[in-house]
C-alpha atoms as a PDB file:
ATOM      1  CA  MET A   1      -7.020  29.624 -80.291  1.00  0.00           C
ATOM      2  CA  LYS A   2      -6.281  25.891 -79.999  1.00  0.00           C
ATOM      3  CA  GLN A   3      -8.413  23.788 -77.690  1.00  0.00           C
ATOM      4  CA  ALA A   4      -5.556  22.985 -75.301  1.00  0.00           C
ATOM      5  CA  ARG A   5      -4.817  26.649 -74.740  1.00  0.00           C
ATOM      6  CA  PHE A   6      -8.532  27.431 -74.446  1.00  0.00           C
ATOM      7  CA  GLU A   7      -8.948  24.799 -71.719  1.00  0.00           C
ATOM      8  CA  GLN A   8      -5.815  25.918 -69.910  1.00  0.00           C
ATOM      9  CA  GLN A   9      -7.029  29.512 -69.885  1.00  0.00           C
ATOM     10  CA  TYR A  10     -10.560  28.864 -68.650  1.00  0.00           C
ATOM     11  CA  ARG A  11     -10.320  25.605 -66.669  1.00  0.00           C
ATOM     12  CA  PRO A  12      -9.772  27.416 -63.303  1.00  0.00           C
ATOM     13  CA  GLN A  13     -13.000  29.386 -63.859  1.00  0.00           C
ATOM     14  CA  TRP A  14     -14.944  26.216 -64.666  1.00  0.00           C
ATOM     15  CA  GLN A  15     -13.620  24.426 -61.608  1.00  0.00           C
ATOM     16  CA  SER A  16     -14.447  27.390 -59.390  1.00  0.00           C
ATOM     17  CA  LEU A  17     -17.977  27.517 -60.803  1.00  0.00           C
ATOM     18  CA  GLU A  18     -18.364  23.760 -60.298  1.00  0.00           C
ATOM     19  CA  LYS A  19     -17.489  24.113 -56.611  1.00  0.00           C
ATOM     20  CA  GLN A  20     -19.988  26.944 -56.246  1.00  0.00           C
ATOM     21  CA  LEU A  21     -22.677  24.871 -57.953  1.00  0.00           C
ATOM     22  CA  ASP A  22     -21.958  21.893 -55.711  1.00  0.00           C
ATOM     23  CA  GLN A  23     -22.504  24.107 -52.661  1.00  0.00           C
ATOM     24  CA  LEU A  24     -25.700  25.646 -54.033  1.00  0.00           C
ATOM     25  CA  GLU A  25     -27.162  22.296 -55.027  1.00  0.00           C
ATOM     26  CA  ALA A  26     -26.248  20.616 -51.736  1.00  0.00           C
ATOM     27  CA  LEU A  27     -27.340  23.350 -49.351  1.00  0.00           C
ATOM     28  CA  HIS A  28     -30.414  24.684 -51.175  1.00  0.00           C
ATOM     29  CA  VAL A  29     -29.364  28.147 -50.130  1.00  0.00           C
ATOM     30  CA  LYS A  30     -32.198  30.544 -49.348  1.00  0.00           C
ATOM     31  CA  ARG A  31     -32.550  33.878 -51.129  1.00  0.00           C
ATOM     32  CA  ALA A  32     -31.489  35.837 -48.090  1.00  0.00           C
ATOM     33  CA  GLU A  33     -28.230  33.876 -48.001  1.00  0.00           C
ATOM     34  CA  ARG A  34     -27.429  34.353 -51.675  1.00  0.00           C
ATOM     35  CA  ALA A  35     -25.728  37.734 -51.525  1.00  0.00           C
ATOM     36  CA  ASP A  36     -22.960  36.534 -53.853  1.00  0.00           C
ATOM     37  CA  MET A  37     -25.314  35.660 -56.736  1.00  0.00           C
ATOM     38  CA  HIS A  38     -24.333  38.804 -58.647  1.00  0.00           C
ATOM     39  CA  SER A  39     -20.862  37.381 -59.294  1.00  0.00           C
ATOM     40  CA  PHE A  40     -22.520  34.077 -60.159  1.00  0.00           C
ATOM     41  CA  VAL A  41     -24.547  35.826 -62.899  1.00  0.00           C
ATOM     42  CA  GLY A  42     -21.347  37.203 -64.429  1.00  0.00           C
ATOM     43  CA  ASP A  43     -19.674  33.786 -64.301  1.00  0.00           C
ATOM     44  CA  TYR A  44     -22.726  32.214 -65.939  1.00  0.00           C
ATOM     45  CA  ARG A  45     -22.681  34.711 -68.812  1.00  0.00           C
ATOM     46  CA  GLN A  46     -18.983  34.112 -69.385  1.00  0.00           C
ATOM     47  CA  LEU A  47     -19.594  30.372 -69.382  1.00  0.00           C
ATOM     48  CA  CYS A  48     -22.352  30.742 -72.011  1.00  0.00           C
ATOM     49  CA  HIS A  49     -19.977  32.753 -74.173  1.00  0.00           C
ATOM     50  CA  GLN A  50     -17.246  30.128 -73.767  1.00  0.00           C
ATOM     51  CA  LEU A  51     -19.683  27.374 -74.750  1.00  0.00           C
ATOM     52  CA  ALA A  52     -20.600  29.340 -77.867  1.00  0.00           C
ATOM     53  CA  LEU A  53     -16.909  29.760 -78.695  1.00  0.00           C
ATOM     54  CA  SER A  54     -16.243  26.044 -78.269  1.00  0.00           C
ATOM     55  CA  ARG A  55     -19.048  25.249 -80.721  1.00  0.00           C
ATOM     56  CA  GLU A  56     -18.027  27.924 -83.196  1.00  0.00           C
ATOM     57  CA  ARG A  57     -14.404  26.739 -83.213  1.00  0.00           C
ATOM     58  CA  GLY A  58     -15.314  23.086 -83.490  1.00  0.00           C
ATOM     59  CA  TYR A  59     -13.707  21.892 -80.254  1.00  0.00           C
ATOM     60  CA  SER A  60     -14.199  18.284 -79.129  1.00  0.00           C
ATOM     61  CA  LEU A  61     -17.683  17.008 -78.354  1.00  0.00           C
ATOM     62  CA  GLU A  62     -16.448  16.004 -74.903  1.00  0.00           C
ATOM     63  CA  LEU A  63     -15.533  19.594 -74.059  1.00  0.00           C
ATOM     64  CA  GLN A  64     -18.779  20.928 -75.518  1.00  0.00           C
ATOM     65  CA  GLN A  65     -20.805  18.418 -73.485  1.00  0.00           C
ATOM     66  CA  TYR A  66     -18.919  19.313 -70.307  1.00  0.00           C
ATOM     67  CA  LEU A  67     -19.577  23.025 -70.798  1.00  0.00           C
ATOM     68  CA  ASN A  68     -23.188  22.417 -71.819  1.00  0.00           C
ATOM     69  CA  ASN A  69     -23.851  20.418 -68.623  1.00  0.00           C
ATOM     70  CA  LEU A  70     -22.213  23.155 -66.570  1.00  0.00           C
ATOM     71  CA  VAL A  71     -24.400  25.778 -68.270  1.00  0.00           C
ATOM     72  CA  LEU A  72     -27.543  23.745 -67.550  1.00  0.00           C
ATOM     73  CA  ARG A  73     -26.627  23.348 -63.867  1.00  0.00           C
ATOM     74  CA  ALA A  74     -25.862  27.066 -63.568  1.00  0.00           C
ATOM     75  CA  HIS A  75     -29.072  27.951 -65.398  1.00  0.00           C
ATOM     76  CA  ARG A  76     -31.169  25.926 -62.944  1.00  0.00           C
ATOM     77  CA  GLN A  77     -29.545  27.629 -59.964  1.00  0.00           C
ATOM     78  CA  LEU A  78     -29.733  31.079 -61.503  1.00  0.00           C
ATOM     79  CA  TYR A  79     -33.435  30.946 -62.213  1.00  0.00           C
ATOM     80  CA  ARG A  80     -34.246  29.653 -58.756  1.00  0.00           C
ATOM     81  CA  TYR A  81     -33.040  33.089 -57.672  1.00  0.00           C
ATOM     82  CA  ASN A  82     -35.010  36.179 -58.669  1.00  0.00           C
ATOM     83  CA  PRO A  83     -33.213  39.289 -57.446  1.00  0.00           C
ATOM     84  CA  PRO A  84     -35.144  42.564 -57.156  1.00  0.00           C
ATOM     85  CA  LEU A  85     -35.437  44.638 -60.316  1.00  0.00           C
ATOM     86  CA  ALA A  86     -33.297  47.416 -58.837  1.00  0.00           C
ATOM     87  CA  ASP A  87     -30.528  44.895 -58.126  1.00  0.00           C
ATOM     88  CA  ARG A  88     -30.669  43.533 -61.678  1.00  0.00           C
ATOM     89  CA  ILE A  89     -30.506  47.019 -63.163  1.00  0.00           C
ATOM     90  CA  GLY A  90     -27.649  47.959 -60.856  1.00  0.00           C
ATOM     91  CA  HIS A  91     -25.708  44.828 -61.780  1.00  0.00           C
ATOM     92  CA  PHE A  92     -26.302  45.449 -65.482  1.00  0.00           C
ATOM     93  CA  ILE A  93     -25.011  49.013 -65.227  1.00  0.00           C
ATOM     94  CA  ALA A  94     -22.034  48.045 -63.064  1.00  0.00           C
ATOM     95  CA  SER A  95     -20.968  44.981 -65.016  1.00  0.00           C
ATOM     96  CA  GLY A  96     -23.250  43.668 -67.754  1.00  0.00           C
ATOM     97  CA  PHE A  97     -23.138  46.650 -70.104  1.00  0.00           C
ATOM     98  CA  PRO A  98     -19.373  47.321 -70.152  1.00  0.00           C
ATOM     99  CA  ASN A  99     -18.681  43.591 -70.466  1.00  0.00           C
ATOM    100  CA  ALA A 100     -21.067  43.385 -73.433  1.00  0.00           C
ATOM    101  CA  VAL A 101     -19.332  46.346 -75.101  1.00  0.00           C
ATOM    102  CA  ARG A 102     -15.873  44.835 -74.660  1.00  0.00           C
ATOM    103  CA  ARG A 103     -17.075  41.450 -75.920  1.00  0.00           C
ATOM    104  CA  GLN A 104     -17.908  43.060 -79.301  1.00  0.00           C
ATOM    105  CA  TRP A 105     -15.066  45.580 -79.379  1.00  0.00           C
ATOM    106  CA  LYS A 106     -14.041  44.758 -82.970  1.00  0.00           C
ATOM    107  CA  TRP A 107     -17.431  45.756 -84.352  1.00  0.00           C
ATOM    108  CA  HIS A 108     -17.515  48.921 -82.247  1.00  0.00           C
ATOM    109  CA  LEU A 109     -14.029  49.820 -83.495  1.00  0.00           C
ATOM    110  CA  ILE A 110     -15.160  49.519 -87.134  1.00  0.00           C
ATOM    111  CA  SER A 111     -18.215  51.640 -86.342  1.00  0.00           C
ATOM    112  CA  ALA A 112     -16.091  54.255 -84.560  1.00  0.00           C
ATOM    113  CA  LEU A 113     -13.592  54.459 -87.424  1.00  0.00           C
ATOM    114  CA  SER A 114     -16.415  54.967 -89.925  1.00  0.00           C
ATOM    115  CA  PHE A 115     -17.832  57.751 -87.788  1.00  0.00           C
ATOM    116  CA  VAL A 116     -14.567  59.518 -86.971  1.00  0.00           C
ATOM    117  CA  LEU A 117     -13.135  59.327 -90.491  1.00  0.00           C
ATOM    118  CA  SER A 118     -16.341  60.730 -92.003  1.00  0.00           C
ATOM    119  CA  ILE A 119     -16.215  63.592 -89.469  1.00  0.00           C
ATOM    120  CA  ALA A 120     -12.611  64.353 -90.407  1.00  0.00           C
ATOM    121  CA  LEU A 121     -13.285  64.178 -94.143  1.00  0.00           C
ATOM    122  CA  ALA A 122     -16.372  66.422 -94.052  1.00  0.00           C
ATOM    123  CA  TRP A 123     -14.678  68.834 -91.650  1.00  0.00           C
ATOM    124  CA  GLY A 124     -11.629  69.126 -93.916  1.00  0.00           C
ATOM    125  CA  LEU A 125     -13.669  69.581 -97.090  1.00  0.00           C
ATOM    126  CA  VAL A 126     -15.834  72.312 -95.595  1.00  0.00           C
ATOM    127  CA  TRP A 127     -12.807  74.014 -94.098  1.00  0.00           C
ATOM    128  CA  GLN A 128     -11.011  74.054 -97.460  1.00  0.00           C
ATOM    129  CA  GLN A 129     -14.100  74.767 -99.564  1.00  0.00           C
ATOM    130  CA  PRO A 130     -16.815  76.487 -97.437  1.00  0.00           C
ATOM    131  CA  GLU A 131     -19.428  76.176-100.178  1.00  0.00           C
ATOM    132  CA  MET A 132     -19.346  72.379 -99.691  1.00  0.00           C
ATOM    133  CA  ILE A 133     -21.607  72.863 -96.652  1.00  0.00           C
ATOM    134  CA  TYR A 134     -24.541  73.273 -99.063  1.00  0.00           C
ATOM    135  CA  THR A 135     -24.152  69.649-100.137  1.00  0.00           C
ATOM    136  CA  VAL A 136     -25.178  68.703 -96.580  1.00  0.00           C
ATOM    137  CA  LEU A 137     -27.588  71.484 -95.507  1.00  0.00           C
ATOM    138  CA  ASP A 138     -29.961  73.803 -97.321  1.00  0.00           C
ATOM    139  CA  GLU A 139     -29.612  77.550 -96.854  1.00  0.00           C
ATOM    140  CA  ALA A 140     -32.565  77.969 -94.473  1.00  0.00           C
ATOM    141  CA  THR A 141     -31.352  75.238 -92.118  1.00  0.00           C
ATOM    142  CA  LEU A 142     -27.812  76.583 -92.220  1.00  0.00           C
ATOM    143  CA  THR A 143     -29.012  80.094 -91.360  1.00  0.00           C
ATOM    144  CA  GLY A 144     -30.875  78.739 -88.347  1.00  0.00           C
ATOM    145  CA  ILE A 145     -27.801  76.856 -87.131  1.00  0.00           C
ATOM    146  CA  GLU A 146     -25.575  79.907 -87.583  1.00  0.00           C
ATOM    147  CA  SER A 147     -27.939  82.108 -85.561  1.00  0.00           C
ATOM    148  CA  MET A 148     -28.161  79.457 -82.831  1.00  0.00           C
ATOM    149  CA  TYR A 149     -24.416  79.145 -82.335  1.00  0.00           C
ATOM    150  CA  GLN A 150     -23.253  82.691 -82.856  1.00  0.00           C
ATOM    151  CA  PRO A 151     -22.129  84.518 -79.663  1.00  0.00           C
ATOM    152  CA  ASP A 152     -25.225  86.212 -78.232  1.00  0.00           C
ATOM    153  CA  GLY A 153     -27.027  85.114 -81.358  1.00  0.00           C
ATOM    154  CA  GLY A 154     -29.978  83.422 -79.738  1.00  0.00           C
ATOM    155  CA  PRO A 155     -32.082  83.534 -76.591  1.00  0.00           C
ATOM    156  CA  SER A 156     -30.422  82.460 -73.363  1.00  0.00           C
ATOM    157  CA  ALA A 157     -31.312  78.987 -72.136  1.00  0.00           C
ATOM    158  CA  ASP A 158     -31.495  80.415 -68.632  1.00  0.00           C
ATOM    159  CA  ASP A 159     -34.692  82.191 -69.741  1.00  0.00           C
ATOM    160  CA  ARG A 160     -36.401  78.856 -70.383  1.00  0.00           C
ATOM    161  CA  SER A 161     -38.932  77.544 -67.919  1.00  0.00           C
ATOM    162  CA  GLY A 162     -38.755  74.156 -66.253  1.00  0.00           C
ATOM    163  CA  ALA A 163     -41.563  72.964 -68.497  1.00  0.00           C
ATOM    164  CA  ASP A 164     -39.502  73.908 -71.570  1.00  0.00           C
ATOM    165  CA  ASP A 165     -36.570  71.882 -70.246  1.00  0.00           C
ATOM    166  CA  VAL A 166     -38.780  68.838 -69.729  1.00  0.00           C
ATOM    167  CA  LEU A 167     -40.257  69.262 -73.206  1.00  0.00           C
ATOM    168  CA  MET A 168     -36.786  69.381 -74.746  1.00  0.00           C
ATOM    169  CA  PHE A 169     -35.747  66.367 -72.668  1.00  0.00           C
ATOM    170  CA  GLY A 170     -38.571  64.356 -74.239  1.00  0.00           C
ATOM    171  CA  TYR A 171     -37.704  65.611 -77.718  1.00  0.00           C
ATOM    172  CA  TYR A 172     -34.050  64.643 -77.352  1.00  0.00           C
ATOM    173  CA  ILE A 173     -34.975  61.157 -76.116  1.00  0.00           C
ATOM    174  CA  LYS A 174     -37.260  60.581 -79.105  1.00  0.00           C
ATOM    175  CA  ASN A 175     -34.730  61.907 -81.613  1.00  0.00           C
ATOM    176  CA  ASN A 176     -31.669  60.108 -80.222  1.00  0.00           C
ATOM    177  CA  ILE A 177     -33.326  56.746 -79.699  1.00  0.00           C
ATOM    178  CA  GLY A 178     -34.763  56.936 -83.209  1.00  0.00           C
ATOM    179  CA  ILE A 179     -31.260  57.405 -84.637  1.00  0.00           C
ATOM    180  CA  ALA A 180     -29.874  54.551 -82.525  1.00  0.00           C
ATOM    181  CA  PHE A 181     -32.649  52.172 -83.551  1.00  0.00           C
ATOM    182  CA  ARG A 182     -32.209  52.973 -87.257  1.00  0.00           C
ATOM    183  CA  THR A 183     -28.468  52.428 -86.918  1.00  0.00           C
ATOM    184  CA  PHE A 184     -28.923  49.065 -85.211  1.00  0.00           C
ATOM    185  CA  ALA A 185     -31.629  47.896 -87.611  1.00  0.00           C
ATOM    186  CA  GLY A 186     -29.522  49.022 -90.563  1.00  0.00           C
ATOM    187  CA  GLY A 187     -27.153  46.188 -89.743  1.00  0.00           C
ATOM    188  CA  LEU A 188     -29.733  43.762 -91.141  1.00  0.00           C
ATOM    189  CA  LEU A 189     -28.818  45.047 -94.616  1.00  0.00           C
ATOM    190  CA  LEU A 190     -25.606  42.979 -94.466  1.00  0.00           C
ATOM    191  CA  GLY A 191     -24.098  45.639 -92.221  1.00  0.00           C
ATOM    192  CA  VAL A 192     -24.159  48.221 -95.025  1.00  0.00           C
ATOM    193  CA  GLY A 193     -27.087  50.098 -93.501  1.00  0.00           C
ATOM    194  CA  ALA A 194     -25.277  50.586 -90.188  1.00  0.00           C
ATOM    195  CA  ILE A 195     -22.133  51.826 -91.951  1.00  0.00           C
ATOM    196  CA  LEU A 196     -24.144  54.266 -94.089  1.00  0.00           C
ATOM    197  CA  VAL A 197     -25.872  55.709 -91.012  1.00  0.00           C
ATOM    198  CA  MET A 198     -22.493  56.151 -89.312  1.00  0.00           C
ATOM    199  CA  LEU A 199     -21.026  57.831 -92.405  1.00  0.00           C
ATOM    200  CA  PHE A 200     -24.034  60.138 -92.769  1.00  0.00           C
ATOM    201  CA  ASN A 201     -24.084  61.211 -89.126  1.00  0.00           C
ATOM    202  CA  GLY A 202     -20.327  61.684 -89.056  1.00  0.00           C
ATOM    203  CA  SER A 203     -20.389  63.768 -92.245  1.00  0.00           C
ATOM    204  CA  PHE A 204     -23.267  65.859 -90.911  1.00  0.00           C
ATOM    205  CA  PHE A 205     -21.485  66.586 -87.629  1.00  0.00           C
ATOM    206  CA  GLY A 206     -18.136  67.250 -89.298  1.00  0.00           C
ATOM    207  CA  ALA A 207     -19.612  69.591 -91.896  1.00  0.00           C
ATOM    208  CA  ILE A 208     -21.465  71.649 -89.278  1.00  0.00           C
ATOM    209  CA  ALA A 209     -18.404  71.827 -87.027  1.00  0.00           C
ATOM    210  CA  GLY A 210     -16.155  72.893 -89.910  1.00  0.00           C
ATOM    211  CA  HIS A 211     -18.616  75.561 -91.054  1.00  0.00           C
ATOM    212  CA  LEU A 212     -19.171  77.010 -87.585  1.00  0.00           C
ATOM    213  CA  ILE A 213     -15.430  77.256 -87.010  1.00  0.00           C
ATOM    214  CA  HIS A 214     -15.169  79.069 -90.344  1.00  0.00           C
ATOM    215  CA  VAL A 215     -17.841  81.652 -89.394  1.00  0.00           C
ATOM    216  CA  GLY A 216     -16.693  82.099 -85.770  1.00  0.00           C
ATOM    217  CA  GLY A 217     -19.322  80.002 -84.005  1.00  0.00           C
ATOM    218  CA  ASP A 218     -16.923  77.346 -82.712  1.00  0.00           C
ATOM    219  CA  GLN A 219     -16.991  78.265 -79.011  1.00  0.00           C
ATOM    220  CA  PRO A 220     -20.813  78.373 -78.619  1.00  0.00           C
ATOM    221  CA  PHE A 221     -21.055  75.110 -80.574  1.00  0.00           C
ATOM    222  CA  PHE A 222     -18.389  73.122 -78.758  1.00  0.00           C
ATOM    223  CA  THR A 223     -19.330  74.350 -75.293  1.00  0.00           C
ATOM    224  CA  PHE A 224     -22.871  73.223 -76.041  1.00  0.00           C
ATOM    225  CA  VAL A 225     -22.120  69.729 -77.388  1.00  0.00           C
ATOM    226  CA  ILE A 226     -19.041  68.632 -75.458  1.00  0.00           C
ATOM    227  CA  ALA A 227     -20.785  67.279 -72.349  1.00  0.00           C
ATOM    228  CA  HIS A 228     -23.814  65.483 -73.813  1.00  0.00           C
ATOM    229  CA  GLY A 229     -21.755  64.463 -76.846  1.00  0.00           C
ATOM    230  CA  ALA A 230     -19.891  61.903 -74.730  1.00  0.00           C
ATOM    231  CA  PRO A 231     -22.863  59.579 -74.045  1.00  0.00           C
ATOM    232  CA  GLU A 232     -24.764  60.530 -77.215  1.00  0.00           C
ATOM    233  CA  LEU A 233     -22.033  59.998 -79.817  1.00  0.00           C
ATOM    234  CA  THR A 234     -20.711  56.952 -77.995  1.00  0.00           C
ATOM    235  CA  ALA A 235     -24.183  55.417 -77.931  1.00  0.00           C
ATOM    236  CA  ILE A 236     -24.623  55.950 -81.678  1.00  0.00           C
ATOM    237  CA  VAL A 237     -21.239  54.312 -82.341  1.00  0.00           C
ATOM    238  CA  LEU A 238     -22.155  51.352 -80.123  1.00  0.00           C
ATOM    239  CA  ALA A 239     -25.491  50.979 -81.917  1.00  0.00           C
ATOM    240  CA  GLY A 240     -23.552  50.898 -85.185  1.00  0.00           C
ATOM    241  CA  GLY A 241     -21.243  48.191 -83.831  1.00  0.00           C
ATOM    242  CA  ALA A 242     -24.206  46.110 -82.670  1.00  0.00           C
ATOM    243  CA  GLY A 243     -25.771  46.511 -86.122  1.00  0.00           C
ATOM    244  CA  LEU A 244     -22.559  45.342 -87.785  1.00  0.00           C
ATOM    245  CA  ARG A 245     -22.647  42.257 -85.556  1.00  0.00           C
ATOM    246  CA  LEU A 246     -26.081  41.432 -86.990  1.00  0.00           C
ATOM    247  CA  GLY A 247     -24.895  42.007 -90.537  1.00  0.00           C
ATOM    248  CA  TRP A 248     -21.892  39.739 -90.143  1.00  0.00           C
ATOM    249  CA  ALA A 249     -24.082  36.951 -88.753  1.00  0.00           C
ATOM    250  CA  ILE A 250     -26.005  37.021 -92.059  1.00  0.00           C
ATOM    251  CA  ILE A 251     -22.875  37.204 -94.208  1.00  0.00           C
ATOM    252  CA  ALA A 252     -20.877  34.546 -92.336  1.00  0.00           C
ATOM    253  CA  PRO A 253     -23.211  32.356 -90.239  1.00  0.00           C
ATOM    254  CA  GLY A 254     -20.577  29.665 -89.700  1.00  0.00           C
ATOM    255  CA  GLN A 255     -22.026  26.307 -88.695  1.00  0.00           C
ATOM    256  CA  TRP A 256     -25.473  27.820 -88.067  1.00  0.00           C
ATOM    257  CA  SER A 257     -28.278  28.567 -90.455  1.00  0.00           C
ATOM    258  CA  ARG A 258     -28.496  32.284 -91.201  1.00  0.00           C
ATOM    259  CA  LEU A 259     -31.655  32.606 -89.136  1.00  0.00           C
ATOM    260  CA  ASP A 260     -30.102  30.865 -86.120  1.00  0.00           C
ATOM    261  CA  ALA A 261     -26.907  32.887 -86.488  1.00  0.00           C
ATOM    262  CA  LEU A 262     -28.970  36.084 -86.587  1.00  0.00           C
ATOM    263  CA  ARG A 263     -30.854  35.066 -83.449  1.00  0.00           C
ATOM    264  CA  LEU A 264     -27.605  34.366 -81.602  1.00  0.00           C
ATOM    265  CA  ALA A 265     -26.119  37.666 -82.781  1.00  0.00           C
ATOM    266  CA  ALA A 266     -29.222  39.578 -81.718  1.00  0.00           C
ATOM    267  CA  ARG A 267     -29.146  37.936 -78.293  1.00  0.00           C
ATOM    268  CA  ASP A 268     -25.474  38.875 -77.961  1.00  0.00           C
ATOM    269  CA  ALA A 269     -26.108  42.454 -79.111  1.00  0.00           C
ATOM    270  CA  LEU A 270     -29.168  43.180 -76.957  1.00  0.00           C
ATOM    271  CA  PRO A 271     -27.233  43.980 -73.740  1.00  0.00           C
ATOM    272  CA  THR A 272     -25.273  46.572 -75.702  1.00  0.00           C
ATOM    273  CA  MET A 273     -28.498  48.108 -77.006  1.00  0.00           C
ATOM    274  CA  TYR A 274     -30.004  48.242 -73.517  1.00  0.00           C
ATOM    275  CA  GLY A 275     -26.930  50.189 -72.469  1.00  0.00           C
ATOM    276  CA  VAL A 276     -27.210  52.395 -75.547  1.00  0.00           C
ATOM    277  CA  PHE A 277     -30.717  53.436 -74.506  1.00  0.00           C
ATOM    278  CA  LEU A 278     -29.463  54.255 -70.998  1.00  0.00           C
ATOM    279  CA  LEU A 279     -26.648  56.367 -72.453  1.00  0.00           C
ATOM    280  CA  LEU A 280     -29.131  58.205 -74.658  1.00  0.00           C
ATOM    281  CA  LEU A 281     -31.360  58.942 -71.675  1.00  0.00           C
ATOM    282  CA  LEU A 282     -28.313  60.377 -69.908  1.00  0.00           C
ATOM    283  CA  ALA A 283     -27.367  62.390 -72.996  1.00  0.00           C
ATOM    284  CA  ALA A 284     -30.891  63.803 -73.299  1.00  0.00           C
ATOM    285  CA  PHE A 285     -30.875  64.810 -69.634  1.00  0.00           C
ATOM    286  CA  ILE A 286     -27.512  66.609 -69.984  1.00  0.00           C
ATOM    287  CA  GLU A 287     -28.537  68.244 -73.250  1.00  0.00           C
ATOM    288  CA  ALA A 288     -31.815  69.528 -71.819  1.00  0.00           C
ATOM    289  CA  PHE A 289     -30.720  70.646 -68.365  1.00  0.00           C
ATOM    290  CA  TRP A 290     -26.976  71.399 -68.588  1.00  0.00           C
ATOM    291  CA  SER A 291     -25.706  72.021 -72.126  1.00  0.00           C
ATOM    292  CA  PRO A 292     -27.751  75.212 -72.793  1.00  0.00           C
ATOM    293  CA  ARG A 293     -26.773  76.866 -69.500  1.00  0.00           C
ATOM    294  CA  ASP A 294     -24.671  79.992 -69.658  1.00  0.00           C
ATOM    295  CA  PHE A 295     -21.489  79.074 -67.795  1.00  0.00           C
ATOM    296  CA  ALA A 296     -17.928  80.127 -68.513  1.00  0.00           C
ATOM    297  CA  PRO A 297     -16.331  78.142 -71.359  1.00  0.00           C
ATOM    298  CA  THR A 298     -13.669  76.805 -68.980  1.00  0.00           C
ATOM    299  CA  ILE A 299     -16.364  75.236 -66.805  1.00  0.00           C
ATOM    300  CA  LYS A 300     -18.245  73.794 -69.800  1.00  0.00           C
ATOM    301  CA  TYR A 301     -15.073  72.300 -71.283  1.00  0.00           C
ATOM    302  CA  SER A 302     -13.986  70.893 -67.914  1.00  0.00           C
ATOM    303  CA  VAL A 303     -17.348  69.215 -67.315  1.00  0.00           C
ATOM    304  CA  GLY A 304     -17.337  67.908 -70.883  1.00  0.00           C
ATOM    305  CA  ALA A 305     -13.829  66.483 -70.547  1.00  0.00           C
ATOM    306  CA  ALA A 306     -14.860  64.783 -67.294  1.00  0.00           C
ATOM    307  CA  CYS A 307     -17.888  63.229 -69.047  1.00  0.00           C
ATOM    308  CA  TRP A 308     -15.706  61.767 -71.796  1.00  0.00           C
ATOM    309  CA  ALA A 309     -13.030  60.503 -69.410  1.00  0.00           C
ATOM    310  CA  LEU A 310     -15.444  58.931 -66.923  1.00  0.00           C
ATOM    311  CA  LEU A 311     -17.497  57.265 -69.645  1.00  0.00           C
ATOM    312  CA  TYR A 312     -14.513  55.587 -71.295  1.00  0.00           C
ATOM    313  CA  LEU A 313     -12.942  54.583 -67.994  1.00  0.00           C
ATOM    314  CA  TYR A 314     -16.276  52.928 -67.208  1.00  0.00           C
ATOM    315  CA  LEU A 315     -16.514  51.137 -70.557  1.00  0.00           C
ATOM    316  CA  ILE A 316     -12.902  49.945 -70.461  1.00  0.00           C
ATOM    317  CA  PHE A 317     -12.652  48.897 -66.807  1.00  0.00           C
ATOM    318  CA  GLY A 318     -16.244  48.489 -65.574  1.00  0.00           C
ATOM    319  CA  GLY A 319     -17.213  44.987 -64.500  1.00  0.00           C
ATOM    320  CA  ARG A 320     -13.750  43.481 -64.868  1.00  0.00           C
ATOM    321  CA  GLN A 321     -13.024  40.621 -62.494  1.00  0.00           C
ATOM    322  CA  ARG A 322      -9.548  40.184 -61.140  1.00  0.00           C
ATOM    323  CA  GLY A 323      -7.884  37.146 -62.652  1.00  0.00           C
ATOM    324  CA  ALA A 324     -10.531  36.683 -65.341  1.00  0.00           C
ATOM    325  CA  GLY A 325      -9.114  35.623 -68.686  1.00  0.00           C
ATOM    326  CA  LYS A 326      -9.704  37.472 -71.904  1.00  0.00           C
ATOM    327  CA  SER A 327     -12.212  36.105 -74.309  1.00  0.00           C
END
């Protein structure tokens, strides 16, 4: 994007923020009177991103200095205000997380394609050649999975105690967050590590799904995973995208040193990872307390479809401000 177009697109936002800063600096507004600071936080984050873009694209020093001064003024006002923790968490969930995801959508798309294509490939191979499942799982593990997802093949989850549910909740949190962290950290290996984790997890899921369909365990399997799969699989994909962002900062640091580029990339990716951990907590809760319950398949599929739809409506539209330009 040329500088003239960049300025034309964002100048109204800068002018609006300048007016707001003039009022805050002149009136020394008290905390109780700062109810609109949540929108100010979003404007400040957008401004920081625009400053980074202007530096990355080599726009004029005059424009960079103007934006830098505006960032400094906004920073001083922002950190005079310390909203309650609950307010900060609420604002992050309502706006910060979906905005962070959309800001890095290209990396998340690459991660998602790696995951989905590996699922499709493994699923197709196992469907065409059932013995291929043994390249992914050993016989003992496969037998356990088959018994778990066969109709009436295992104990009913409704027989579990509340303590068992809590225990499984903790196990799922530990397992899922471990996968997400390895995926994110794998990006440090020039992005290759993150891609490999996505390919492995996708192949694992696709192979199991293809095998269970082949042996008649598709309904128990899909009714179990469809609801918690929405936040869990999405979180893993987002962790992969954040890892790819780190890897690209090392490969192509631009005008920065590789260490500085990595720091900037990590700072940009952290909001996504905070959201990933929240999604994994949600997934663990659903998997422990809802997914094993013995409801009619229609109900399980309906709840699962609602989880997927609501999650992606939130990620696509959450935190959008009317009239805000695209970055």
